[in-house]
Amino acid sequence: MNQTVIPEVDLENVKPEDALKFWDETSRTYHPQHFKFMHVISYPMTYSIQPAGVVVPAAPTLHKVTVRRKNITSKELLDRICHEANLVWTIMGREIVVKPAPPVPDGQQ
């Protein structure tokens, strides 16, 4: 991912899913060996209880993403997108797994 340089990125206030799709497609376009970056978004299992006692899965709220850069590597772009959206990424086998960042203890940043 450090060898893939993307000439220009102009994302403004987009959903994290759309930013990751842009990262995936653009990285593939500019990668020297046209390597496909497999990624999945993984949400933790959380649930909310509705008034009638019905348990409904609750997805975490993700922040919108704004990234404007020139000549950014694929890794730097993924890092920026994840930072803006409060996500973290890791490589697991042949996939890049993106998930919400763990909560920060009070008083720490």
PDB file of N, CA and C in Angstrom:
ATOM      1  N   MET A   1       0.814  -1.191   0.000  1.00  0.00           N
ATOM      2  CA  MET A   1       0.000   0.000   0.000  1.00  0.00           C
ATOM      3  C   MET A   1       0.862   1.261   0.000  1.00  0.00           C
ATOM      4  N   ASN A   2       2.084   1.132   0.485  1.00  0.00           N
ATOM      5  CA  ASN A   2       2.980   2.291   0.475  1.00  0.00           C
ATOM      6  C   ASN A   2       3.520   2.586  -0.921  1.00  0.00           C
ATOM      7  N   GLN A   3       3.440   1.617  -1.838  1.00  0.00           N
ATOM      8  CA  GLN A   3       3.940   1.823  -3.195  1.00  0.00           C
ATOM      9  C   GLN A   3       2.886   2.432  -4.109  1.00  0.00           C
ATOM     10  N   THR A   4       1.656   2.441  -3.687  1.00  0.00           N
ATOM     11  CA  THR A   4       0.574   2.971  -4.495  1.00  0.00           C
ATOM     12  C   THR A   4       0.382   4.447  -4.172  1.00  0.00           C
ATOM     13  N   VAL A   5       0.667   5.317  -5.141  1.00  0.00           N
ATOM     14  CA  VAL A   5       0.523   6.758  -4.940  1.00  0.00           C
ATOM     15  C   VAL A   5      -0.681   7.246  -5.749  1.00  0.00           C
ATOM     16  N   ILE A   6      -1.586   7.899  -5.054  1.00  0.00           N
ATOM     17  CA  ILE A   6      -2.793   8.432  -5.668  1.00  0.00           C
ATOM     18  C   ILE A   6      -2.552   9.926  -5.911  1.00  0.00           C
ATOM     19  N   PRO A   7      -2.639  10.372  -7.171  1.00  0.00           N
ATOM     20  CA  PRO A   7      -2.279  11.748  -7.504  1.00  0.00           C
ATOM     21  C   PRO A   7      -3.119  12.813  -6.789  1.00  0.00           C
ATOM     22  N   GLU A   8      -4.426  12.560  -6.629  1.00  0.00           N
ATOM     23  CA  GLU A   8      -5.257  13.580  -5.989  1.00  0.00           C
ATOM     24  C   GLU A   8      -6.493  12.953  -5.358  1.00  0.00           C
ATOM     25  N   VAL A   9      -6.798  13.417  -4.155  1.00  0.00           N
ATOM     26  CA  VAL A   9      -7.993  12.981  -3.426  1.00  0.00           C
ATOM     27  C   VAL A   9      -8.757  14.234  -3.023  1.00  0.00           C
ATOM     28  N   ASP A  10     -10.050  14.244  -3.330  1.00  0.00           N
ATOM     29  CA  ASP A  10     -10.903  15.363  -2.947  1.00  0.00           C
ATOM     30  C   ASP A  10     -12.237  14.800  -2.461  1.00  0.00           C
ATOM     31  N   LEU A  11     -12.258  14.399  -1.204  1.00  0.00           N
ATOM     32  CA  LEU A  11     -13.469  13.880  -0.577  1.00  0.00           C
ATOM     33  C   LEU A  11     -13.964  14.930   0.407  1.00  0.00           C
ATOM     34  N   GLU A  12     -15.221  15.289   0.312  1.00  0.00           N
ATOM     35  CA  GLU A  12     -15.760  16.284   1.240  1.00  0.00           C
ATOM     36  C   GLU A  12     -17.060  15.794   1.847  1.00  0.00           C
ATOM     37  N   ASN A  13     -17.030  15.610   3.166  1.00  0.00           N
ATOM     38  CA  ASN A  13     -18.210  15.274   3.949  1.00  0.00           C
ATOM     39  C   ASN A  13     -18.949  14.056   3.389  1.00  0.00           C
ATOM     40  N   VAL A  14     -18.201  12.974   3.107  1.00  0.00           N
ATOM     41  CA  VAL A  14     -18.805  11.756   2.568  1.00  0.00           C
ATOM     42  C   VAL A  14     -18.924  10.700   3.664  1.00  0.00           C
ATOM     43  N   LYS A  15     -19.839   9.754   3.445  1.00  0.00           N
ATOM     44  CA  LYS A  15     -20.001   8.657   4.394  1.00  0.00           C
ATOM     45  C   LYS A  15     -18.736   7.800   4.367  1.00  0.00           C
ATOM     46  N   PRO A  16     -18.366   7.224   5.522  1.00  0.00           N
ATOM     47  CA  PRO A  16     -17.173   6.371   5.567  1.00  0.00           C
ATOM     48  C   PRO A  16     -17.213   5.241   4.540  1.00  0.00           C
ATOM     49  N   GLU A  17     -18.377   4.642   4.339  1.00  0.00           N
ATOM     50  CA  GLU A  17     -18.496   3.554   3.366  1.00  0.00           C
ATOM     51  C   GLU A  17     -18.130   4.036   1.963  1.00  0.00           C
ATOM     52  N   ASP A  18     -18.576   5.253   1.606  1.00  0.00           N
ATOM     53  CA  ASP A  18     -18.263   5.812   0.292  1.00  0.00           C
ATOM     54  C   ASP A  18     -16.780   6.161   0.181  1.00  0.00           C
ATOM     55  N   ALA A  19     -16.195   6.677   1.268  1.00  0.00           N
ATOM     56  CA  ALA A  19     -14.768   6.993   1.268  1.00  0.00           C
ATOM     57  C   ALA A  19     -13.939   5.726   1.103  1.00  0.00           C
ATOM     58  N   LEU A  20     -14.341   4.642   1.780  1.00  0.00           N
ATOM     59  CA  LEU A  20     -13.613   3.373   1.654  1.00  0.00           C
ATOM     60  C   LEU A  20     -13.765   2.785   0.257  1.00  0.00           C
ATOM     61  N   LYS A  21     -14.934   2.948  -0.346  1.00  0.00           N
ATOM     62  CA  LYS A  21     -15.129   2.479  -1.719  1.00  0.00           C
ATOM     63  C   LYS A  21     -14.212   3.262  -2.664  1.00  0.00           C
ATOM     64  N   PHE A  22     -14.124   4.586  -2.476  1.00  0.00           N
ATOM     65  CA  PHE A  22     -13.226   5.417  -3.277  1.00  0.00           C
ATOM     66  C   PHE A  22     -11.781   4.952  -3.092  1.00  0.00           C
ATOM     67  N   TRP A  23     -11.378   4.718  -1.828  1.00  0.00           N
ATOM     68  CA  TRP A  23     -10.014   4.254  -1.535  1.00  0.00           C
ATOM     69  C   TRP A  23      -9.734   2.946  -2.272  1.00  0.00           C
ATOM     70  N   ASP A  24     -10.671   2.003  -2.191  1.00  0.00           N
ATOM     71  CA  ASP A  24     -10.498   0.697  -2.820  1.00  0.00           C
ATOM     72  C   ASP A  24     -10.336   0.829  -4.334  1.00  0.00           C
ATOM     73  N   GLU A  25     -11.251   1.533  -4.975  1.00  0.00           N
ATOM     74  CA  GLU A  25     -11.213   1.661  -6.433  1.00  0.00           C
ATOM     75  C   GLU A  25      -9.995   2.446  -6.907  1.00  0.00           C
ATOM     76  N   THR A  26      -9.679   3.532  -6.218  1.00  0.00           N
ATOM     77  CA  THR A  26      -8.552   4.367  -6.621  1.00  0.00           C
ATOM     78  C   THR A  26      -7.225   3.656  -6.380  1.00  0.00           C
ATOM     79  N   SER A  27      -7.126   2.933  -5.272  1.00  0.00           N
ATOM     80  CA  SER A  27      -5.895   2.181  -4.991  1.00  0.00           C
ATOM     81  C   SER A  27      -5.645   1.149  -6.074  1.00  0.00           C
ATOM     82  N   ARG A  28      -6.706   0.479  -6.501  1.00  0.00           N
ATOM     83  CA  ARG A  28      -6.563  -0.521  -7.568  1.00  0.00           C
ATOM     84  C   ARG A  28      -6.139   0.129  -8.876  1.00  0.00           C
ATOM     85  N   THR A  29      -6.650   1.301  -9.156  1.00  0.00           N
ATOM     86  CA  THR A  29      -6.316   2.003 -10.397  1.00  0.00           C
ATOM     87  C   THR A  29      -4.831   2.354 -10.455  1.00  0.00           C
ATOM     88  N   TYR A  30      -4.264   2.782  -9.316  1.00  0.00           N
ATOM     89  CA  TYR A  30      -2.887   3.275  -9.311  1.00  0.00           C
ATOM     90  C   TYR A  30      -1.857   2.292  -8.783  1.00  0.00           C
ATOM     91  N   HIS A  31      -2.258   1.084  -8.428  1.00  0.00           N
ATOM     92  CA  HIS A  31      -1.291   0.099  -7.936  1.00  0.00           C
ATOM     93  C   HIS A  31      -0.529  -0.489  -9.109  1.00  0.00           C
ATOM     94  N   PRO A  32       0.802  -0.564  -9.000  1.00  0.00           N
ATOM     95  CA  PRO A  32       1.618  -1.039 -10.132  1.00  0.00           C
ATOM     96  C   PRO A  32       1.255  -2.452 -10.612  1.00  0.00           C
ATOM     97  N   GLN A  33       0.855  -3.344  -9.718  1.00  0.00           N
ATOM     98  CA  GLN A  33       0.491  -4.708 -10.126  1.00  0.00           C
ATOM     99  C   GLN A  33      -1.025  -4.903 -10.174  1.00  0.00           C
ATOM    100  N   HIS A  34      -1.788  -3.836 -10.071  1.00  0.00           N
ATOM    101  CA  HIS A  34      -3.246  -3.896 -10.097  1.00  0.00           C
ATOM    102  C   HIS A  34      -3.787  -4.864  -9.055  1.00  0.00           C
ATOM    103  N   PHE A  35      -3.203  -4.853  -7.869  1.00  0.00           N
ATOM    104  CA  PHE A  35      -3.613  -5.711  -6.760  1.00  0.00           C
ATOM    105  C   PHE A  35      -4.982  -5.278  -6.251  1.00  0.00           C
ATOM    106  N   LYS A  36      -5.857  -6.225  -6.009  1.00  0.00           N
ATOM    107  CA  LYS A  36      -7.179  -5.899  -5.481  1.00  0.00           C
ATOM    108  C   LYS A  36      -7.113  -5.836  -3.963  1.00  0.00           C
ATOM    109  N   PHE A  37      -7.492  -4.703  -3.406  1.00  0.00           N
ATOM    110  CA  PHE A  37      -7.534  -4.538  -1.963  1.00  0.00           C
ATOM    111  C   PHE A  37      -8.881  -5.031  -1.463  1.00  0.00           C
ATOM    112  N   MET A  38      -8.906  -6.179  -0.837  1.00  0.00           N
ATOM    113  CA  MET A  38     -10.139  -6.713  -0.270  1.00  0.00           C
ATOM    114  C   MET A  38     -10.353  -6.067   1.090  1.00  0.00           C
ATOM    115  N   HIS A  39     -11.517  -5.474   1.298  1.00  0.00           N
ATOM    116  CA  HIS A  39     -11.795  -4.893   2.607  1.00  0.00           C
ATOM    117  C   HIS A  39     -13.220  -5.210   3.027  1.00  0.00           C
ATOM    118  N   VAL A  40     -13.413  -5.321   4.318  1.00  0.00           N
ATOM    119  CA  VAL A  40     -14.740  -5.524   4.887  1.00  0.00           C
ATOM    120  C   VAL A  40     -14.894  -4.563   6.058  1.00  0.00           C
ATOM    121  N   ILE A  41     -16.106  -4.090   6.258  1.00  0.00           N
ATOM    122  CA  ILE A  41     -16.391  -3.245   7.419  1.00  0.00           C
ATOM    123  C   ILE A  41     -17.054  -4.142   8.448  1.00  0.00           C
ATOM    124  N   SER A  42     -16.468  -4.194   9.632  1.00  0.00           N
ATOM    125  CA  SER A  42     -16.949  -5.067  10.697  1.00  0.00           C
ATOM    126  C   SER A  42     -17.490  -4.217  11.834  1.00  0.00           C
ATOM    127  N   TYR A  43     -18.736  -4.433  12.178  1.00  0.00           N
ATOM    128  CA  TYR A  43     -19.346  -3.713  13.300  1.00  0.00           C
ATOM    129  C   TYR A  43     -19.482  -4.658  14.481  1.00  0.00           C
ATOM    130  N   PRO A  44     -19.231  -4.167  15.701  1.00  0.00           N
ATOM    131  CA  PRO A  44     -19.422  -5.019  16.872  1.00  0.00           C
ATOM    132  C   PRO A  44     -20.906  -5.311  17.061  1.00  0.00           C
ATOM    133  N   MET A  45     -21.204  -6.409  17.697  1.00  0.00           N
ATOM    134  CA  MET A  45     -22.584  -6.777  17.958  1.00  0.00           C
ATOM    135  C   MET A  45     -23.091  -5.946  19.130  1.00  0.00           C
ATOM    136  N   THR A  46     -23.910  -4.948  18.847  1.00  0.00           N
ATOM    137  CA  THR A  46     -24.540  -4.155  19.900  1.00  0.00           C
ATOM    138  C   THR A  46     -26.037  -4.139  19.633  1.00  0.00           C
ATOM    139  N   TYR A  47     -26.809  -4.010  20.673  1.00  0.00           N
ATOM    140  CA  TYR A  47     -28.257  -4.052  20.529  1.00  0.00           C
ATOM    141  C   TYR A  47     -28.890  -2.947  21.349  1.00  0.00           C
ATOM    142  N   SER A  48     -30.051  -2.489  20.893  1.00  0.00           N
ATOM    143  CA  SER A  48     -30.814  -1.520  21.678  1.00  0.00           C
ATOM    144  C   SER A  48     -32.183  -2.122  21.964  1.00  0.00           C
ATOM    145  N   ILE A  49     -32.751  -1.772  23.089  1.00  0.00           N
ATOM    146  CA  ILE A  49     -34.061  -2.294  23.471  1.00  0.00           C
ATOM    147  C   ILE A  49     -35.097  -1.222  23.190  1.00  0.00           C
ATOM    148  N   GLN A  50     -36.087  -1.574  22.415  1.00  0.00           N
ATOM    149  CA  GLN A  50     -37.160  -0.658  22.053  1.00  0.00           C
ATOM    150  C   GLN A  50     -38.258  -0.718  23.119  1.00  0.00           C
ATOM    151  N   PRO A  51     -39.179   0.257  23.130  1.00  0.00           N
ATOM    152  CA  PRO A  51     -40.211   0.316  24.176  1.00  0.00           C
ATOM    153  C   PRO A  51     -41.005  -0.976  24.365  1.00  0.00           C
ATOM    154  N   ALA A  52     -41.310  -1.701  23.324  1.00  0.00           N
ATOM    155  CA  ALA A  52     -42.108  -2.917  23.458  1.00  0.00           C
ATOM    156  C   ALA A  52     -41.264  -4.105  23.894  1.00  0.00           C
ATOM    157  N   GLY A  53     -40.001  -3.864  24.264  1.00  0.00           N
ATOM    158  CA  GLY A  53     -39.135  -4.950  24.691  1.00  0.00           C
ATOM    159  C   GLY A  53     -38.480  -5.682  23.541  1.00  0.00           C
ATOM    160  N   VAL A  54     -38.599  -5.138  22.333  1.00  0.00           N
ATOM    161  CA  VAL A  54     -37.998  -5.751  21.152  1.00  0.00           C
ATOM    162  C   VAL A  54     -36.533  -5.339  21.093  1.00  0.00           C
ATOM    163  N   VAL A  55     -35.668  -6.315  20.916  1.00  0.00           N
ATOM    164  CA  VAL A  55     -34.236  -6.033  20.819  1.00  0.00           C
ATOM    165  C   VAL A  55     -33.879  -5.858  19.348  1.00  0.00           C
ATOM    166  N   VAL A  56     -33.262  -4.704  19.038  1.00  0.00           N
ATOM    167  CA  VAL A  56     -32.916  -4.366  17.658  1.00  0.00           C
ATOM    168  C   VAL A  56     -31.414  -4.119  17.572  1.00  0.00           C
ATOM    169  N   PRO A  57     -30.739  -4.729  16.568  1.00  0.00           N
ATOM    170  CA  PRO A  57     -29.309  -4.440  16.409  1.00  0.00           C
ATOM    171  C   PRO A  57     -29.083  -2.949  16.179  1.00  0.00           C
ATOM    172  N   ALA A  58     -28.066  -2.402  16.818  1.00  0.00           N
ATOM    173  CA  ALA A  58     -27.747  -0.976  16.689  1.00  0.00           C
ATOM    174  C   ALA A  58     -26.360  -0.826  16.074  1.00  0.00           C
ATOM    175  N   ALA A  59     -26.294  -0.117  14.948  1.00  0.00           N
ATOM    176  CA  ALA A  59     -24.999   0.141  14.304  1.00  0.00           C
ATOM    177  C   ALA A  59     -24.403   1.405  14.916  1.00  0.00           C
ATOM    178  N   PRO A  60     -23.070   1.443  15.086  1.00  0.00           N
ATOM    179  CA  PRO A  60     -22.450   2.643  15.639  1.00  0.00           C
ATOM    180  C   PRO A  60     -22.572   3.812  14.671  1.00  0.00           C
ATOM    181  N   THR A  61     -22.600   5.014  15.213  1.00  0.00           N
ATOM    182  CA  THR A  61     -22.637   6.218  14.396  1.00  0.00           C
ATOM    183  C   THR A  61     -21.217   6.525  13.929  1.00  0.00           C
ATOM    184  N   LEU A  62     -21.048   6.652  12.625  1.00  0.00           N
ATOM    185  CA  LEU A  62     -19.732   6.948  12.064  1.00  0.00           C
ATOM    186  C   LEU A  62     -19.698   8.395  11.600  1.00  0.00           C
ATOM    187  N   HIS A  63     -18.531   9.007  11.713  1.00  0.00           N
ATOM    188  CA  HIS A  63     -18.351  10.408  11.326  1.00  0.00           C
ATOM    189  C   HIS A  63     -18.120  10.516   9.831  1.00  0.00           C
ATOM    190  N   LYS A  64     -18.574  11.622   9.247  1.00  0.00           N
ATOM    191  CA  LYS A  64     -18.335  11.890   7.823  1.00  0.00           C
ATOM    192  C   LYS A  64     -16.847  12.160   7.606  1.00  0.00           C
ATOM    193  N   VAL A  65     -16.409  11.996   6.362  1.00  0.00           N
ATOM    194  CA  VAL A  65     -14.987  12.075   6.028  1.00  0.00           C
ATOM    195  C   VAL A  65     -14.730  13.214   5.042  1.00  0.00           C
ATOM    196  N   THR A  66     -13.678  13.981   5.333  1.00  0.00           N
ATOM    197  CA  THR A  66     -13.184  14.995   4.405  1.00  0.00           C
ATOM    198  C   THR A  66     -11.674  14.822   4.304  1.00  0.00           C
ATOM    199  N   VAL A  67     -11.206  14.526   3.100  1.00  0.00           N
ATOM    200  CA  VAL A  67      -9.768  14.380   2.849  1.00  0.00           C
ATOM    201  C   VAL A  67      -9.465  15.051   1.517  1.00  0.00           C
ATOM    202  N   ARG A  68      -8.549  16.005   1.555  1.00  0.00           N
ATOM    203  CA  ARG A  68      -8.071  16.667   0.329  1.00  0.00           C
ATOM    204  C   ARG A  68      -6.554  16.601   0.344  1.00  0.00           C
ATOM    205  N   ARG A  69      -6.012  15.813  -0.549  1.00  0.00           N
ATOM    206  CA  ARG A  69      -4.548  15.658  -0.599  1.00  0.00           C
ATOM    207  C   ARG A  69      -4.108  15.395  -2.030  1.00  0.00           C
ATOM    208  N   LYS A  70      -2.843  15.679  -2.283  1.00  0.00           N
ATOM    209  CA  LYS A  70      -2.206  15.331  -3.560  1.00  0.00           C
ATOM    210  C   LYS A  70      -1.059  14.379  -3.254  1.00  0.00           C
ATOM    211  N   ASN A  71      -0.844  13.436  -4.160  1.00  0.00           N
ATOM    212  CA  ASN A  71       0.252  12.468  -4.050  1.00  0.00           C
ATOM    213  C   ASN A  71       0.287  11.792  -2.679  1.00  0.00           C
ATOM    214  N   ILE A  72      -0.793  11.125  -2.350  1.00  0.00           N
ATOM    215  CA  ILE A  72      -0.926  10.419  -1.083  1.00  0.00           C
ATOM    216  C   ILE A  72      -0.862   8.921  -1.356  1.00  0.00           C
ATOM    217  N   THR A  73      -0.184   8.193  -0.477  1.00  0.00           N
ATOM    218  CA  THR A  73      -0.125   6.743  -0.669  1.00  0.00           C
ATOM    219  C   THR A  73      -1.459   6.127  -0.264  1.00  0.00           C
ATOM    220  N   SER A  74      -1.701   4.937  -0.749  1.00  0.00           N
ATOM    221  CA  SER A  74      -2.920   4.219  -0.412  1.00  0.00           C
ATOM    222  C   SER A  74      -3.030   4.016   1.098  1.00  0.00           C
ATOM    223  N   LYS A  75      -1.920   3.689   1.747  1.00  0.00           N
ATOM    224  CA  LYS A  75      -1.915   3.488   3.195  1.00  0.00           C
ATOM    225  C   LYS A  75      -2.252   4.784   3.924  1.00  0.00           C
ATOM    226  N   GLU A  76      -1.651   5.909   3.494  1.00  0.00           N
ATOM    227  CA  GLU A  76      -1.932   7.197   4.131  1.00  0.00           C
ATOM    228  C   GLU A  76      -3.406   7.578   3.972  1.00  0.00           C
ATOM    229  N   LEU A  77      -3.970   7.306   2.795  1.00  0.00           N
ATOM    230  CA  LEU A  77      -5.373   7.625   2.562  1.00  0.00           C
ATOM    231  C   LEU A  77      -6.267   6.777   3.462  1.00  0.00           C
ATOM    232  N   LEU A  78      -5.975   5.496   3.564  1.00  0.00           N
ATOM    233  CA  LEU A  78      -6.761   4.630   4.448  1.00  0.00           C
ATOM    234  C   LEU A  78      -6.644   5.102   5.899  1.00  0.00           C
ATOM    235  N   ASP A  79      -5.440   5.465   6.316  1.00  0.00           N
ATOM    236  CA  ASP A  79      -5.242   5.988   7.677  1.00  0.00           C
ATOM    237  C   ASP A  79      -6.078   7.256   7.905  1.00  0.00           C
ATOM    238  N   ARG A  80      -6.084   8.170   6.934  1.00  0.00           N
ATOM    239  CA  ARG A  80      -6.823   9.437   7.062  1.00  0.00           C
ATOM    240  C   ARG A  80      -8.323   9.187   7.129  1.00  0.00           C
ATOM    241  N   ILE A  81      -8.812   8.313   6.239  1.00  0.00           N
ATOM    242  CA  ILE A  81     -10.242   7.997   6.237  1.00  0.00           C
ATOM    243  C   ILE A  81     -10.649   7.410   7.586  1.00  0.00           C
ATOM    244  N   CYS A  82      -9.872   6.463   8.070  1.00  0.00           N
ATOM    245  CA  CYS A  82     -10.193   5.824   9.346  1.00  0.00           C
ATOM    246  C   CYS A  82     -10.115   6.817  10.503  1.00  0.00           C
ATOM    247  N   HIS A  83      -9.120   7.689  10.486  1.00  0.00           N
ATOM    248  CA  HIS A  83      -8.995   8.688  11.543  1.00  0.00           C
ATOM    249  C   HIS A  83     -10.213   9.621  11.555  1.00  0.00           C
ATOM    250  N   GLU A  84     -10.593  10.101  10.379  1.00  0.00           N
ATOM    251  CA  GLU A  84     -11.734  11.016  10.266  1.00  0.00           C
ATOM    252  C   GLU A  84     -13.035  10.352  10.718  1.00  0.00           C
ATOM    253  N   ALA A  85     -13.210   9.070  10.392  1.00  0.00           N
ATOM    254  CA  ALA A  85     -14.468   8.365  10.675  1.00  0.00           C
ATOM    255  C   ALA A  85     -14.467   7.655  12.021  1.00  0.00           C
ATOM    256  N   ASN A  86     -13.361   7.755  12.765  1.00  0.00           N
ATOM    257  CA  ASN A  86     -13.211   7.058  14.043  1.00  0.00           C
ATOM    258  C   ASN A  86     -13.270   5.538  13.850  1.00  0.00           C
ATOM    259  N   LEU A  87     -12.501   5.085  12.859  1.00  0.00           N
ATOM    260  CA  LEU A  87     -12.384   3.666  12.539  1.00  0.00           C
ATOM    261  C   LEU A  87     -10.932   3.231  12.712  1.00  0.00           C
ATOM    262  N   VAL A  88     -10.708   1.947  12.775  1.00  0.00           N
ATOM    263  CA  VAL A  88      -9.362   1.379  12.757  1.00  0.00           C
ATOM    264  C   VAL A  88      -9.346   0.275  11.709  1.00  0.00           C
ATOM    265  N   TRP A  89      -8.163  -0.010  11.166  1.00  0.00           N
ATOM    266  CA  TRP A  89      -8.055  -1.082  10.189  1.00  0.00           C
ATOM    267  C   TRP A  89      -6.920  -2.011  10.557  1.00  0.00           C
ATOM    268  N   THR A  90      -7.046  -3.250  10.113  1.00  0.00           N
ATOM    269  CA  THR A  90      -6.005  -4.241  10.316  1.00  0.00           C
ATOM    270  C   THR A  90      -6.046  -5.232   9.163  1.00  0.00           C
ATOM    271  N   ILE A  91      -4.924  -5.865   8.902  1.00  0.00           N
ATOM    272  CA  ILE A  91      -4.864  -6.878   7.856  1.00  0.00           C
ATOM    273  C   ILE A  91      -5.074  -8.235   8.507  1.00  0.00           C
ATOM    274  N   MET A  92      -6.058  -8.969   8.006  1.00  0.00           N
ATOM    275  CA  MET A  92      -6.343 -10.320   8.499  1.00  0.00           C
ATOM    276  C   MET A  92      -6.360 -11.250   7.293  1.00  0.00           C
ATOM    277  N   GLY A  93      -5.294 -12.020   7.153  1.00  0.00           N
ATOM    278  CA  GLY A  93      -5.202 -12.911   5.994  1.00  0.00           C
ATOM    279  C   GLY A  93      -5.077 -12.100   4.724  1.00  0.00           C
ATOM    280  N   ARG A  94      -6.049 -12.260   3.831  1.00  0.00           N
ATOM    281  CA  ARG A  94      -6.042 -11.552   2.550  1.00  0.00           C
ATOM    282  C   ARG A  94      -7.038 -10.399   2.521  1.00  0.00           C
ATOM    283  N   GLU A  95      -7.535  -9.997   3.680  1.00  0.00           N
ATOM    284  CA  GLU A  95      -8.507  -8.917   3.751  1.00  0.00           C
ATOM    285  C   GLU A  95      -8.035  -7.818   4.687  1.00  0.00           C
ATOM    286  N   ILE A  96      -8.512  -6.634   4.425  1.00  0.00           N
ATOM    287  CA  ILE A  96      -8.313  -5.515   5.336  1.00  0.00           C
ATOM    288  C   ILE A  96      -9.641  -5.337   6.062  1.00  0.00           C
ATOM    289  N   VAL A  97      -9.615  -5.480   7.364  1.00  0.00           N
ATOM    290  CA  VAL A  97     -10.826  -5.359   8.173  1.00  0.00           C
ATOM    291  C   VAL A  97     -10.870  -3.965   8.779  1.00  0.00           C
ATOM    292  N   VAL A  98     -11.977  -3.276   8.559  1.00  0.00           N
ATOM    293  CA  VAL A  98     -12.180  -1.924   9.070  1.00  0.00           C
ATOM    294  C   VAL A  98     -13.316  -1.998  10.081  1.00  0.00           C
ATOM    295  N   LYS A  99     -13.070  -1.443  11.276  1.00  0.00           N
ATOM    296  CA  LYS A  99     -14.109  -1.481  12.311  1.00  0.00           C
ATOM    297  C   LYS A  99     -14.049  -0.221  13.161  1.00  0.00           C
ATOM    298  N   PRO A 100     -15.107   0.049  13.917  1.00  0.00           N
ATOM    299  CA  PRO A 100     -15.089   1.228  14.789  1.00  0.00           C
ATOM    300  C   PRO A 100     -13.944   1.151  15.789  1.00  0.00           C
ATOM    301  N   ALA A 101     -13.346   2.307  16.057  1.00  0.00           N
ATOM    302  CA  ALA A 101     -12.247   2.367  17.033  1.00  0.00           C
ATOM    303  C   ALA A 101     -12.792   2.070  18.407  1.00  0.00           C
ATOM    304  N   PRO A 102     -11.960   1.442  19.263  1.00  0.00           N
ATOM    305  CA  PRO A 102     -12.408   1.193  20.631  1.00  0.00           C
ATOM    306  C   PRO A 102     -12.602   2.520  21.369  1.00  0.00           C
ATOM    307  N   PRO A 103     -13.514   2.539  22.333  1.00  0.00           N
ATOM    308  CA  PRO A 103     -13.727   3.782  23.071  1.00  0.00           C
ATOM    309  C   PRO A 103     -12.466   4.199  23.837  1.00  0.00           C
ATOM    310  N   VAL A 104     -12.270   5.510  23.908  1.00  0.00           N
ATOM    311  CA  VAL A 104     -11.119   6.068  24.618  1.00  0.00           C
ATOM    312  C   VAL A 104     -11.536   6.303  26.070  1.00  0.00           C
ATOM    313  N   PRO A 105     -10.732   5.816  27.045  1.00  0.00           N
ATOM    314  CA  PRO A 105     -11.071   6.079  28.451  1.00  0.00           C
ATOM    315  C   PRO A 105     -11.164   7.584  28.711  1.00  0.00           C
ATOM    316  N   ASP A 106     -12.037   7.971  29.642  1.00  0.00           N
ATOM    317  CA  ASP A 106     -12.207   9.393  29.975  1.00  0.00           C
ATOM    318  C   ASP A 106     -10.872  10.046  30.306  1.00  0.00           C
ATOM    319  N   GLY A 107     -10.686  11.269  29.786  1.00  0.00           N
ATOM    320  CA  GLY A 107      -9.477  12.025  30.080  1.00  0.00           C
ATOM    321  C   GLY A 107      -8.309  11.723  29.171  1.00  0.00           C
ATOM    322  N   GLN A 108      -8.457  10.778  28.228  1.00  0.00           N
ATOM    323  CA  GLN A 108      -7.344  10.458  27.319  1.00  0.00           C
ATOM    324  C   GLN A 108      -7.773  10.767  25.895  1.00  0.00           C
ATOM    325  N   GLN A 109      -6.779  11.051  25.054  1.00  0.00           N
ATOM    326  CA  GLN A 109      -7.067  11.323  23.653  1.00  0.00           C
ATOM    327  C   GLN A 109      -6.204  10.497  22.770  1.00  0.00           C
TER     328      GLN A 109
END
